[in-house]
Amino acid sequence: MEQQLIIAIGREYGSGGHEIAEAMAEQFGLDFYDKNILEEIAQAQQVSSDHLKRYDEAPRFPWMSRNVRGYSNSLEENIAEMQFEFLRHKAKKGNSFVVVGRCAEEILREYPALLSIFVIGRMEDKVKRISEKQHVSPDNARLIIARNDRKRKMYHNYYCQNKWGDSRGYDLSISTSTVGVERTKDLLEHYIREVMADREQEQRSEFGLE
């Protein structure tokens, strides 16, 4: 039987986590989900995806929203829940994919196919990466990193019991500062293949195929 594989990758801003997620999707031939989830949702809802993306991975602001009879008037919360339901639907169907952020390590925790990874990096390395990529000064890069990580943390911690970046909530936490982004990709590919091999062995034992 074909083994389902779901790779959920959380990341600090500037760590290279998004690039690593794209590489894992390509390496394992998996669908890749980030903001493009909203394009599929927008098509189904017949609305503009650009409008939805304004609220992507954005924290809910309690003083600007409220719940009435179980329904929220918060666009941020409604869009988050639509993405969570999209991912649950894909997982339940048995699809394999890579997803960046979107609380996937928690909302998909019930699926044995899930493998969750959090990517971090030293601040000086993240500042250098963002400075070069976005053509900004190191001071501005530091502000951009802080702003984006604060936004991700607020978003994640609102919807999840496990705190954003807490290693206990992931199968693996890894720093790209140790060996660089490219070598980190190689290490993660090897790690994922080892996990898949162990899971396959467990399945064969369970079904008496040894």
N, C-alpha and C. Protein backbone atom coordinates (compact mmCIF):
# COMPACT_ATOMS: atom_id res chain seq x y z
N MET A 1 0.84 -1.19 0.00
CA MET A 1 0.00 0.00 0.00
C MET A 1 0.88 1.25 0.00
N GLU A 2 0.39 2.31 -0.64
CA GLU A 2 1.14 3.55 -0.68
C GLU A 2 1.03 4.26 0.66
N GLN A 3 2.16 4.70 1.16
CA GLN A 3 2.19 5.30 2.48
C GLN A 3 1.86 6.79 2.42
N GLN A 4 0.88 7.20 3.22
CA GLN A 4 0.55 8.62 3.29
C GLN A 4 1.64 9.35 4.06
N LEU A 5 1.96 10.56 3.60
CA LEU A 5 2.97 11.38 4.27
C LEU A 5 2.51 12.82 4.30
N ILE A 6 2.42 13.37 5.50
CA ILE A 6 2.08 14.78 5.67
C ILE A 6 3.24 15.44 6.42
N ILE A 7 3.87 16.41 5.79
CA ILE A 7 4.98 17.14 6.42
C ILE A 7 4.51 18.54 6.75
N ALA A 8 4.46 18.86 8.04
CA ALA A 8 4.06 20.18 8.50
C ALA A 8 5.31 20.93 8.96
N ILE A 9 5.56 22.08 8.36
CA ILE A 9 6.77 22.83 8.68
C ILE A 9 6.41 24.21 9.22
N GLY A 10 6.77 24.43 10.49
CA GLY A 10 6.69 25.76 11.09
C GLY A 10 8.05 26.40 10.96
N ARG A 11 8.12 27.72 11.09
CA ARG A 11 9.41 28.37 10.87
C ARG A 11 9.47 29.76 11.47
N GLU A 12 10.66 30.11 11.92
CA GLU A 12 10.94 31.49 12.27
C GLU A 12 11.17 32.26 10.98
N TYR A 13 10.79 33.52 10.98
CA TYR A 13 10.97 34.34 9.79
C TYR A 13 12.46 34.52 9.50
N GLY A 14 12.83 34.25 8.25
CA GLY A 14 14.23 34.39 7.86
C GLY A 14 15.07 33.16 8.06
N SER A 15 14.48 32.08 8.58
CA SER A 15 15.24 30.86 8.85
C SER A 15 15.46 30.01 7.60
N GLY A 16 14.70 30.29 6.53
CA GLY A 16 14.76 29.46 5.34
C GLY A 16 13.75 28.32 5.36
N GLY A 17 12.84 28.35 6.31
CA GLY A 17 11.88 27.27 6.46
C GLY A 17 10.97 27.09 5.27
N HIS A 18 10.55 28.20 4.67
CA HIS A 18 9.66 28.11 3.50
C HIS A 18 10.40 27.48 2.32
N GLU A 19 11.63 27.89 2.11
CA GLU A 19 12.44 27.31 1.03
C GLU A 19 12.65 25.81 1.25
N ILE A 20 12.88 25.43 2.49
CA ILE A 20 13.07 24.02 2.83
C ILE A 20 11.78 23.24 2.57
N ALA A 21 10.64 23.82 2.93
CA ALA A 21 9.36 23.15 2.71
C ALA A 21 9.13 22.91 1.21
N GLU A 22 9.43 23.90 0.40
CA GLU A 22 9.29 23.74 -1.05
C GLU A 22 10.20 22.63 -1.56
N ALA A 23 11.42 22.58 -1.04
CA ALA A 23 12.36 21.55 -1.46
C ALA A 23 11.89 20.16 -1.06
N MET A 24 11.29 20.01 0.12
CA MET A 24 10.79 18.71 0.55
C MET A 24 9.62 18.26 -0.32
N ALA A 25 8.76 19.20 -0.69
CA ALA A 25 7.64 18.86 -1.56
C ALA A 25 8.14 18.37 -2.91
N GLU A 26 9.15 19.05 -3.43
CA GLU A 26 9.72 18.64 -4.72
C GLU A 26 10.43 17.31 -4.61
N GLN A 27 11.20 17.13 -3.56
CA GLN A 27 11.99 15.91 -3.39
C GLN A 27 11.10 14.66 -3.27
N PHE A 28 9.99 14.80 -2.56
CA PHE A 28 9.12 13.64 -2.32
C PHE A 28 7.90 13.61 -3.25
N GLY A 29 7.83 14.57 -4.18
CA GLY A 29 6.73 14.58 -5.14
C GLY A 29 5.38 14.81 -4.51
N LEU A 30 5.32 15.75 -3.53
CA LEU A 30 4.10 16.00 -2.78
C LEU A 30 3.48 17.34 -3.16
N ASP A 31 2.16 17.44 -2.97
CA ASP A 31 1.50 18.74 -3.11
C ASP A 31 2.05 19.69 -2.06
N PHE A 32 2.06 20.97 -2.37
CA PHE A 32 2.63 21.99 -1.48
C PHE A 32 1.57 23.03 -1.16
N TYR A 33 1.36 23.27 0.13
CA TYR A 33 0.33 24.22 0.54
C TYR A 33 0.92 25.31 1.42
N ASP A 34 0.67 26.54 1.01
CA ASP A 34 0.91 27.70 1.86
C ASP A 34 -0.24 28.67 1.58
N LYS A 35 0.04 29.85 1.05
CA LYS A 35 -1.05 30.77 0.72
C LYS A 35 -1.91 30.27 -0.42
N ASN A 36 -1.39 29.34 -1.20
CA ASN A 36 -2.18 28.84 -2.33
C ASN A 36 -3.43 28.09 -1.88
N ILE A 37 -3.51 27.73 -0.60
CA ILE A 37 -4.75 27.15 -0.08
C ILE A 37 -5.90 28.13 -0.32
N LEU A 38 -5.62 29.41 -0.10
CA LEU A 38 -6.67 30.43 -0.23
C LEU A 38 -7.12 30.60 -1.67
N GLU A 39 -6.26 30.29 -2.62
CA GLU A 39 -6.66 30.37 -4.02
C GLU A 39 -7.73 29.31 -4.32
N GLU A 40 -7.55 28.11 -3.77
CA GLU A 40 -8.55 27.05 -3.96
C GLU A 40 -9.84 27.39 -3.23
N ILE A 41 -9.71 27.93 -2.02
CA ILE A 41 -10.90 28.32 -1.26
C ILE A 41 -11.64 29.45 -1.97
N ALA A 42 -10.88 30.43 -2.46
CA ALA A 42 -11.49 31.57 -3.15
C ALA A 42 -12.23 31.14 -4.41
N GLN A 43 -11.65 30.19 -5.12
CA GLN A 43 -12.30 29.68 -6.32
C GLN A 43 -13.62 29.00 -5.98
N ALA A 44 -13.61 28.22 -4.90
CA ALA A 44 -14.83 27.54 -4.49
C ALA A 44 -15.88 28.53 -3.99
N GLN A 45 -15.43 29.60 -3.31
CA GLN A 45 -16.35 30.59 -2.75
C GLN A 45 -16.69 31.69 -3.75
N GLN A 46 -15.98 31.69 -4.89
CA GLN A 46 -16.18 32.70 -5.93
C GLN A 46 -15.92 34.11 -5.39
N VAL A 47 -14.77 34.24 -4.71
CA VAL A 47 -14.34 35.54 -4.21
C VAL A 47 -12.88 35.75 -4.61
N SER A 48 -12.37 36.95 -4.37
CA SER A 48 -11.00 37.26 -4.74
C SER A 48 -10.01 36.65 -3.74
N SER A 49 -9.03 35.92 -4.26
CA SER A 49 -8.02 35.34 -3.38
C SER A 49 -7.14 36.42 -2.76
N ASP A 50 -6.95 37.53 -3.48
CA ASP A 50 -6.14 38.64 -2.94
C ASP A 50 -6.77 39.19 -1.68
N HIS A 51 -8.09 39.24 -1.65
CA HIS A 51 -8.79 39.72 -0.45
C HIS A 51 -8.56 38.78 0.72
N LEU A 52 -8.66 37.47 0.47
CA LEU A 52 -8.46 36.50 1.54
C LEU A 52 -7.03 36.52 2.07
N LYS A 53 -6.07 36.69 1.16
CA LYS A 53 -4.66 36.64 1.55
C LYS A 53 -4.27 37.78 2.49
N ARG A 54 -5.05 38.84 2.51
CA ARG A 54 -4.77 39.95 3.43
C ARG A 54 -4.89 39.49 4.88
N TYR A 55 -5.66 38.44 5.11
CA TYR A 55 -5.92 37.97 6.47
C TYR A 55 -5.26 36.61 6.74
N ASP A 56 -4.35 36.20 5.86
CA ASP A 56 -3.71 34.90 5.98
C ASP A 56 -2.74 34.87 7.17
N GLU A 57 -2.84 33.84 7.99
CA GLU A 57 -2.00 33.68 9.19
C GLU A 57 -1.95 34.96 10.02
N ALA A 58 -3.08 35.63 10.09
CA ALA A 58 -3.17 36.87 10.87
C ALA A 58 -3.88 36.58 12.19
N PRO A 59 -3.40 37.16 13.29
CA PRO A 59 -4.06 36.92 14.58
C PRO A 59 -5.42 37.59 14.65
N ARG A 60 -6.31 36.98 15.42
CA ARG A 60 -7.63 37.55 15.66
C ARG A 60 -7.52 38.62 16.74
N PHE A 61 -8.15 39.76 16.52
CA PHE A 61 -8.11 40.85 17.50
C PHE A 61 -9.44 40.88 18.25
N PRO A 62 -9.45 40.44 19.52
CA PRO A 62 -10.70 40.30 20.28
C PRO A 62 -11.52 41.58 20.36
N TRP A 63 -10.85 42.75 20.43
CA TRP A 63 -11.59 44.00 20.60
C TRP A 63 -12.27 44.44 19.29
N MET A 64 -11.97 43.74 18.18
CA MET A 64 -12.57 44.09 16.89
C MET A 64 -13.53 43.01 16.39
N SER A 65 -13.73 41.96 17.20
CA SER A 65 -14.58 40.85 16.73
C SER A 65 -15.30 40.23 17.90
N ARG A 66 -16.31 39.43 17.57
CA ARG A 66 -17.07 38.75 18.61
C ARG A 66 -17.73 37.51 18.02
N ASN A 67 -18.15 36.61 18.91
CA ASN A 67 -18.87 35.41 18.50
C ASN A 67 -20.35 35.55 18.84
N VAL A 68 -21.18 35.21 17.88
CA VAL A 68 -22.63 35.25 18.08
C VAL A 68 -23.20 33.90 17.68
N ARG A 69 -23.78 33.18 18.67
CA ARG A 69 -24.36 31.85 18.42
C ARG A 69 -23.36 30.91 17.74
N GLY A 70 -22.12 30.98 18.19
CA GLY A 70 -21.11 30.08 17.68
C GLY A 70 -20.42 30.53 16.41
N TYR A 71 -20.82 31.68 15.86
CA TYR A 71 -20.23 32.18 14.63
C TYR A 71 -19.43 33.45 14.92
N SER A 72 -18.27 33.54 14.31
CA SER A 72 -17.40 34.70 14.53
C SER A 72 -17.56 35.69 13.39
N ASN A 73 -17.48 36.99 13.72
CA ASN A 73 -17.49 37.99 12.67
C ASN A 73 -16.07 38.42 12.30
N SER A 74 -15.08 37.66 12.82
CA SER A 74 -13.68 37.96 12.53
C SER A 74 -13.27 37.31 11.22
N LEU A 75 -12.86 38.11 10.24
CA LEU A 75 -12.38 37.57 8.97
C LEU A 75 -11.15 36.71 9.19
N GLU A 76 -10.26 37.15 10.09
CA GLU A 76 -9.04 36.39 10.37
C GLU A 76 -9.38 35.00 10.87
N GLU A 77 -10.32 34.92 11.79
CA GLU A 77 -10.68 33.62 12.37
C GLU A 77 -11.41 32.74 11.35
N ASN A 78 -12.31 33.32 10.59
CA ASN A 78 -13.05 32.53 9.60
C ASN A 78 -12.13 31.98 8.52
N ILE A 79 -11.17 32.79 8.08
CA ILE A 79 -10.23 32.34 7.05
C ILE A 79 -9.30 31.27 7.61
N ALA A 80 -8.88 31.43 8.85
CA ALA A 80 -8.05 30.40 9.48
C ALA A 80 -8.80 29.07 9.55
N GLU A 81 -10.06 29.12 9.97
CA GLU A 81 -10.85 27.90 10.10
C GLU A 81 -11.09 27.24 8.74
N MET A 82 -11.26 28.05 7.70
CA MET A 82 -11.43 27.48 6.36
C MET A 82 -10.17 26.73 5.93
N GLN A 83 -9.02 27.28 6.27
CA GLN A 83 -7.77 26.61 5.92
C GLN A 83 -7.58 25.33 6.74
N PHE A 84 -7.93 25.38 8.01
CA PHE A 84 -7.83 24.18 8.85
C PHE A 84 -8.72 23.07 8.29
N GLU A 85 -9.93 23.43 7.91
CA GLU A 85 -10.86 22.44 7.38
C GLU A 85 -10.37 21.89 6.04
N PHE A 86 -9.76 22.75 5.24
CA PHE A 86 -9.18 22.32 3.96
C PHE A 86 -8.12 21.25 4.21
N LEU A 87 -7.23 21.50 5.16
CA LEU A 87 -6.15 20.56 5.46
C LEU A 87 -6.69 19.26 6.06
N ARG A 88 -7.67 19.36 6.94
CA ARG A 88 -8.27 18.15 7.52
C ARG A 88 -8.92 17.30 6.43
N HIS A 89 -9.58 17.96 5.49
CA HIS A 89 -10.23 17.24 4.39
C HIS A 89 -9.20 16.49 3.55
N LYS A 90 -8.09 17.15 3.23
CA LYS A 90 -7.03 16.51 2.44
C LYS A 90 -6.43 15.32 3.19
N ALA A 91 -6.20 15.52 4.48
CA ALA A 91 -5.62 14.44 5.29
C ALA A 91 -6.57 13.26 5.41
N LYS A 92 -7.84 13.54 5.63
CA LYS A 92 -8.84 12.48 5.78
C LYS A 92 -8.98 11.67 4.50
N LYS A 93 -8.81 12.31 3.36
CA LYS A 93 -8.89 11.62 2.06
C LYS A 93 -7.68 10.72 1.81
N GLY A 94 -6.64 10.89 2.64
CA GLY A 94 -5.44 10.09 2.47
C GLY A 94 -4.39 10.74 1.60
N ASN A 95 -4.57 12.04 1.30
CA ASN A 95 -3.61 12.76 0.47
C ASN A 95 -2.30 12.97 1.22
N SER A 96 -1.22 13.01 0.47
CA SER A 96 0.09 13.34 1.02
C SER A 96 0.45 14.76 0.57
N PHE A 97 1.06 15.54 1.47
CA PHE A 97 1.37 16.92 1.12
C PHE A 97 2.34 17.52 2.12
N VAL A 98 2.88 18.67 1.75
CA VAL A 98 3.70 19.50 2.63
C VAL A 98 2.92 20.78 2.89
N VAL A 99 2.84 21.21 4.14
CA VAL A 99 2.15 22.44 4.47
C VAL A 99 3.04 23.31 5.34
N VAL A 100 3.06 24.59 5.04
CA VAL A 100 3.85 25.56 5.80
C VAL A 100 2.93 26.29 6.77
N GLY A 101 3.29 26.28 8.06
CA GLY A 101 2.53 27.01 9.06
C GLY A 101 1.11 26.51 9.22
N ARG A 102 0.17 27.46 9.44
CA ARG A 102 -1.25 27.18 9.55
C ARG A 102 -1.61 26.17 10.64
N CYS A 103 -0.79 26.14 11.70
CA CYS A 103 -1.07 25.30 12.87
C CYS A 103 -1.21 23.82 12.53
N ALA A 104 -0.61 23.41 11.41
CA ALA A 104 -0.84 22.04 10.92
C ALA A 104 -0.34 20.99 11.88
N GLU A 105 0.73 21.28 12.62
CA GLU A 105 1.27 20.27 13.53
C GLU A 105 0.29 19.93 14.64
N GLU A 106 -0.66 20.81 14.91
CA GLU A 106 -1.67 20.54 15.93
C GLU A 106 -3.01 20.11 15.35
N ILE A 107 -3.49 20.77 14.32
CA ILE A 107 -4.81 20.45 13.79
C ILE A 107 -4.82 19.10 13.07
N LEU A 108 -3.63 18.60 12.66
CA LEU A 108 -3.55 17.30 11.99
C LEU A 108 -2.89 16.24 12.88
N ARG A 109 -2.80 16.51 14.16
CA ARG A 109 -2.08 15.63 15.08
C ARG A 109 -2.67 14.22 15.14
N GLU A 110 -3.95 14.09 14.89
CA GLU A 110 -4.58 12.77 14.98
C GLU A 110 -4.17 11.84 13.84
N TYR A 111 -3.53 12.36 12.80
CA TYR A 111 -3.18 11.53 11.65
C TYR A 111 -1.78 10.95 11.81
N PRO A 112 -1.65 9.62 11.81
CA PRO A 112 -0.33 8.97 11.98
C PRO A 112 0.66 9.36 10.88
N ALA A 113 0.17 9.82 9.74
CA ALA A 113 1.04 10.18 8.63
C ALA A 113 1.79 11.49 8.87
N LEU A 114 1.40 12.23 9.90
CA LEU A 114 1.98 13.55 10.14
C LEU A 114 3.41 13.47 10.64
N LEU A 115 4.25 14.34 10.09
CA LEU A 115 5.61 14.55 10.58
C LEU A 115 5.81 16.05 10.68
N SER A 116 6.02 16.54 11.90
CA SER A 116 6.07 17.99 12.10
C SER A 116 7.50 18.45 12.41
N ILE A 117 7.87 19.57 11.79
CA ILE A 117 9.23 20.11 11.89
C ILE A 117 9.15 21.61 12.14
N PHE A 118 10.01 22.10 13.02
CA PHE A 118 10.11 23.55 13.23
C PHE A 118 11.53 24.00 12.90
N VAL A 119 11.63 25.02 12.04
CA VAL A 119 12.93 25.49 11.55
C VAL A 119 13.27 26.82 12.22
N ILE A 120 14.45 26.88 12.82
CA ILE A 120 14.91 28.08 13.50
C ILE A 120 16.26 28.51 12.93
N GLY A 121 16.79 29.60 13.45
CA GLY A 121 18.11 30.06 13.05
C GLY A 121 18.60 31.15 13.99
N ARG A 122 19.90 31.35 14.04
CA ARG A 122 20.45 32.43 14.86
C ARG A 122 20.04 33.78 14.26
N MET A 123 19.82 34.75 15.12
CA MET A 123 19.34 36.05 14.66
C MET A 123 20.26 36.68 13.63
N GLU A 124 21.57 36.59 13.84
CA GLU A 124 22.48 37.22 12.89
C GLU A 124 22.38 36.59 11.50
N ASP A 125 22.12 35.30 11.46
CA ASP A 125 21.97 34.63 10.16
C ASP A 125 20.65 35.01 9.50
N LYS A 126 19.61 35.13 10.30
CA LYS A 126 18.31 35.52 9.74
C LYS A 126 18.35 36.96 9.25
N VAL A 127 19.02 37.82 9.99
CA VAL A 127 19.16 39.22 9.58
C VAL A 127 19.91 39.31 8.25
N LYS A 128 20.98 38.56 8.12
CA LYS A 128 21.76 38.56 6.89
C LYS A 128 20.91 38.07 5.72
N ARG A 129 20.16 37.02 5.95
CA ARG A 129 19.32 36.45 4.89
C ARG A 129 18.26 37.43 4.42
N ILE A 130 17.55 38.05 5.36
CA ILE A 130 16.49 38.99 5.01
C ILE A 130 17.08 40.27 4.40
N SER A 131 18.20 40.73 4.90
CA SER A 131 18.84 41.92 4.33
C SER A 131 19.16 41.72 2.86
N GLU A 132 19.72 40.55 2.54
CA GLU A 132 20.10 40.26 1.17
C GLU A 132 18.88 39.99 0.29
N LYS A 133 17.91 39.30 0.82
CA LYS A 133 16.75 38.91 0.03
C LYS A 133 15.82 40.09 -0.25
N GLN A 134 15.64 40.95 0.74
CA GLN A 134 14.70 42.06 0.60
C GLN A 134 15.39 43.40 0.36
N HIS A 135 16.72 43.38 0.30
CA HIS A 135 17.52 44.59 0.02
C HIS A 135 17.22 45.70 1.03
N VAL A 136 17.31 45.33 2.30
CA VAL A 136 17.10 46.30 3.37
C VAL A 136 18.31 46.29 4.30
N SER A 137 18.41 47.30 5.15
CA SER A 137 19.52 47.38 6.09
C SER A 137 19.36 46.31 7.17
N PRO A 138 20.45 45.95 7.85
CA PRO A 138 20.33 44.98 8.95
C PRO A 138 19.34 45.42 10.03
N ASP A 139 19.31 46.71 10.34
CA ASP A 139 18.37 47.19 11.35
C ASP A 139 16.93 46.99 10.90
N ASN A 140 16.66 47.29 9.64
CA ASN A 140 15.31 47.09 9.12
C ASN A 140 14.96 45.60 9.05
N ALA A 141 15.94 44.79 8.68
CA ALA A 141 15.72 43.34 8.64
C ALA A 141 15.34 42.81 10.01
N ARG A 142 16.00 43.31 11.03
CA ARG A 142 15.70 42.88 12.40
C ARG A 142 14.27 43.24 12.79
N LEU A 143 13.82 44.42 12.37
CA LEU A 143 12.45 44.84 12.66
C LEU A 143 11.44 43.99 11.91
N ILE A 144 11.74 43.67 10.65
CA ILE A 144 10.86 42.83 9.84
C ILE A 144 10.72 41.44 10.45
N ILE A 145 11.83 40.89 10.89
CA ILE A 145 11.82 39.56 11.52
C ILE A 145 10.98 39.58 12.79
N ALA A 146 11.21 40.58 13.63
CA ALA A 146 10.47 40.68 14.90
C ALA A 146 8.98 40.83 14.65
N ARG A 147 8.61 41.67 13.68
CA ARG A 147 7.19 41.90 13.39
C ARG A 147 6.50 40.63 12.89
N ASN A 148 7.15 39.93 11.97
CA ASN A 148 6.55 38.73 11.40
C ASN A 148 6.49 37.58 12.41
N ASP A 149 7.54 37.43 13.21
CA ASP A 149 7.51 36.37 14.22
C ASP A 149 6.47 36.66 15.29
N ARG A 150 6.29 37.92 15.65
CA ARG A 150 5.26 38.28 16.63
C ARG A 150 3.87 37.96 16.09
N LYS A 151 3.65 38.24 14.81
CA LYS A 151 2.36 37.94 14.17
C LYS A 151 2.11 36.44 14.14
N ARG A 152 3.14 35.66 13.77
CA ARG A 152 2.98 34.21 13.71
C ARG A 152 2.73 33.61 15.08
N LYS A 153 3.42 34.14 16.06
CA LYS A 153 3.26 33.64 17.42
C LYS A 153 1.84 33.90 17.94
N MET A 154 1.33 35.10 17.72
CA MET A 154 -0.02 35.44 18.17
C MET A 154 -1.06 34.58 17.48
N TYR A 155 -0.89 34.39 16.17
CA TYR A 155 -1.81 33.56 15.39
C TYR A 155 -1.80 32.13 15.90
N HIS A 156 -0.62 31.56 16.02
CA HIS A 156 -0.50 30.16 16.42
C HIS A 156 -1.03 29.94 17.83
N ASN A 157 -0.63 30.78 18.75
CA ASN A 157 -0.99 30.57 20.15
C ASN A 157 -2.48 30.79 20.42
N TYR A 158 -3.16 31.51 19.53
CA TYR A 158 -4.61 31.68 19.69
C TYR A 158 -5.34 30.38 19.39
N TYR A 159 -4.88 29.65 18.38
CA TYR A 159 -5.58 28.45 17.92
C TYR A 159 -5.04 27.15 18.51
N CYS A 160 -3.84 27.18 19.07
CA CYS A 160 -3.19 25.94 19.49
C CYS A 160 -2.91 25.91 20.99
N GLN A 161 -2.94 24.71 21.56
CA GLN A 161 -2.55 24.55 22.96
C GLN A 161 -1.03 24.62 23.10
N ASN A 162 -0.33 23.95 22.19
CA ASN A 162 1.12 24.01 22.22
C ASN A 162 1.60 25.37 21.73
N LYS A 163 2.58 25.94 22.41
CA LYS A 163 3.06 27.28 22.06
C LYS A 163 3.94 27.24 20.81
N TRP A 164 3.87 28.31 20.05
CA TRP A 164 4.63 28.44 18.80
C TRP A 164 6.13 28.28 19.08
N GLY A 165 6.76 27.36 18.37
CA GLY A 165 8.19 27.17 18.49
C GLY A 165 8.63 26.28 19.64
N ASP A 166 7.70 25.86 20.51
CA ASP A 166 8.05 24.97 21.61
C ASP A 166 8.39 23.60 21.04
N SER A 167 9.61 23.16 21.23
CA SER A 167 10.08 21.92 20.60
C SER A 167 9.24 20.70 20.99
N ARG A 168 8.55 20.76 22.14
CA ARG A 168 7.74 19.63 22.58
C ARG A 168 6.51 19.42 21.70
N GLY A 169 6.18 20.40 20.89
CA GLY A 169 5.01 20.28 20.02
C GLY A 169 5.33 19.78 18.62
N TYR A 170 6.61 19.46 18.36
CA TYR A 170 7.03 19.05 17.02
C TYR A 170 7.84 17.75 17.12
N ASP A 171 7.89 17.03 16.01
CA ASP A 171 8.72 15.83 15.97
C ASP A 171 10.20 16.19 15.94
N LEU A 172 10.51 17.33 15.32
CA LEU A 172 11.91 17.73 15.18
C LEU A 172 12.01 19.24 15.09
N SER A 173 12.95 19.83 15.82
CA SER A 173 13.31 21.23 15.65
C SER A 173 14.74 21.27 15.15
N ILE A 174 15.01 22.11 14.15
CA ILE A 174 16.32 22.13 13.54
C ILE A 174 16.73 23.56 13.20
N SER A 175 18.00 23.88 13.40
CA SER A 175 18.52 25.21 13.12
C SER A 175 19.31 25.21 11.81
N THR A 176 18.94 26.09 10.91
CA THR A 176 19.68 26.21 9.65
C THR A 176 21.03 26.90 9.85
N SER A 177 21.22 27.49 11.02
CA SER A 177 22.50 28.14 11.29
C SER A 177 23.63 27.15 11.52
N THR A 178 23.28 25.92 11.84
CA THR A 178 24.31 24.93 12.16
C THR A 178 25.10 24.50 10.94
N VAL A 179 24.37 24.12 9.87
CA VAL A 179 25.06 23.65 8.65
C VAL A 179 24.60 24.37 7.40
N GLY A 180 23.74 25.40 7.54
CA GLY A 180 23.25 26.12 6.37
C GLY A 180 21.97 25.51 5.83
N VAL A 181 21.28 26.28 5.01
CA VAL A 181 19.98 25.86 4.49
C VAL A 181 20.10 24.64 3.59
N GLU A 182 21.09 24.63 2.70
CA GLU A 182 21.20 23.51 1.74
C GLU A 182 21.49 22.19 2.44
N ARG A 183 22.41 22.19 3.40
CA ARG A 183 22.71 20.95 4.12
C ARG A 183 21.54 20.55 5.01
N THR A 184 20.80 21.54 5.51
CA THR A 184 19.61 21.23 6.31
C THR A 184 18.60 20.48 5.46
N LYS A 185 18.45 20.89 4.20
CA LYS A 185 17.55 20.17 3.29
C LYS A 185 17.98 18.70 3.17
N ASP A 186 19.27 18.48 3.01
CA ASP A 186 19.78 17.10 2.88
C ASP A 186 19.51 16.29 4.15
N LEU A 187 19.76 16.91 5.29
CA LEU A 187 19.55 16.22 6.56
C LEU A 187 18.08 15.87 6.77
N LEU A 188 17.20 16.80 6.42
CA LEU A 188 15.77 16.55 6.59
C LEU A 188 15.27 15.48 5.62
N GLU A 189 15.79 15.48 4.41
CA GLU A 189 15.40 14.43 3.46
C GLU A 189 15.78 13.05 4.03
N HIS A 190 16.99 12.94 4.56
CA HIS A 190 17.43 11.67 5.14
C HIS A 190 16.55 11.30 6.34
N TYR A 191 16.27 12.26 7.19
CA TYR A 191 15.44 12.03 8.38
C TYR A 191 14.05 11.55 7.99
N ILE A 192 13.44 12.21 7.00
CA ILE A 192 12.09 11.84 6.58
C ILE A 192 12.07 10.44 5.98
N ARG A 193 13.09 10.11 5.20
CA ARG A 193 13.15 8.77 4.60
C ARG A 193 13.31 7.70 5.69
N GLU A 194 14.06 8.00 6.72
CA GLU A 194 14.21 7.06 7.82
C GLU A 194 12.89 6.86 8.56
N VAL A 195 12.18 7.96 8.78
CA VAL A 195 10.88 7.87 9.45
C VAL A 195 9.91 7.05 8.60
N MET A 196 9.90 7.30 7.30
CA MET A 196 9.00 6.57 6.41
C MET A 196 9.33 5.07 6.40
N ALA A 197 10.62 4.76 6.41
CA ALA A 197 11.03 3.34 6.43
C ALA A 197 10.57 2.67 7.71
N ASP A 198 10.70 3.35 8.84
CA ASP A 198 10.26 2.79 10.12
C ASP A 198 8.75 2.58 10.12
N ARG A 199 8.01 3.55 9.58
CA ARG A 199 6.56 3.43 9.55
C ARG A 199 6.13 2.28 8.64
N GLU A 200 6.81 2.14 7.52
CA GLU A 200 6.48 1.04 6.61
C GLU A 200 6.73 -0.31 7.28
N GLN A 201 7.83 -0.40 8.04
CA GLN A 201 8.14 -1.64 8.74
C GLN A 201 7.06 -1.95 9.78
N GLU A 202 6.60 -0.91 10.47
CA GLU A 202 5.54 -1.10 11.46
C GLU A 202 4.25 -1.58 10.79
N GLN A 203 3.93 -0.99 9.63
CA GLN A 203 2.73 -1.39 8.92
C GLN A 203 2.82 -2.84 8.44
N ARG A 204 3.98 -3.23 7.96
CA ARG A 204 4.16 -4.60 7.49
C ARG A 204 4.01 -5.58 8.65
N SER A 205 4.53 -5.20 9.79
CA SER A 205 4.41 -6.06 10.97
C SER A 205 2.96 -6.16 11.43
N GLU A 206 2.27 -5.04 11.37
CA GLU A 206 0.86 -4.99 11.80
C GLU A 206 -0.01 -5.89 10.94
N PHE A 207 0.27 -5.91 9.62
CA PHE A 207 -0.54 -6.70 8.70
C PHE A 207 0.06 -8.08 8.42
N GLY A 208 1.11 -8.45 9.18
CA GLY A 208 1.69 -9.77 9.04
C GLY A 208 2.34 -10.02 7.70
N LEU A 209 2.99 -8.97 7.15
CA LEU A 209 3.60 -9.09 5.82
C LEU A 209 5.09 -9.34 5.89
N GLU A 210 5.62 -9.55 7.07
CA GLU A 210 7.07 -9.82 7.19
C GLU A 210 7.37 -11.24 6.75
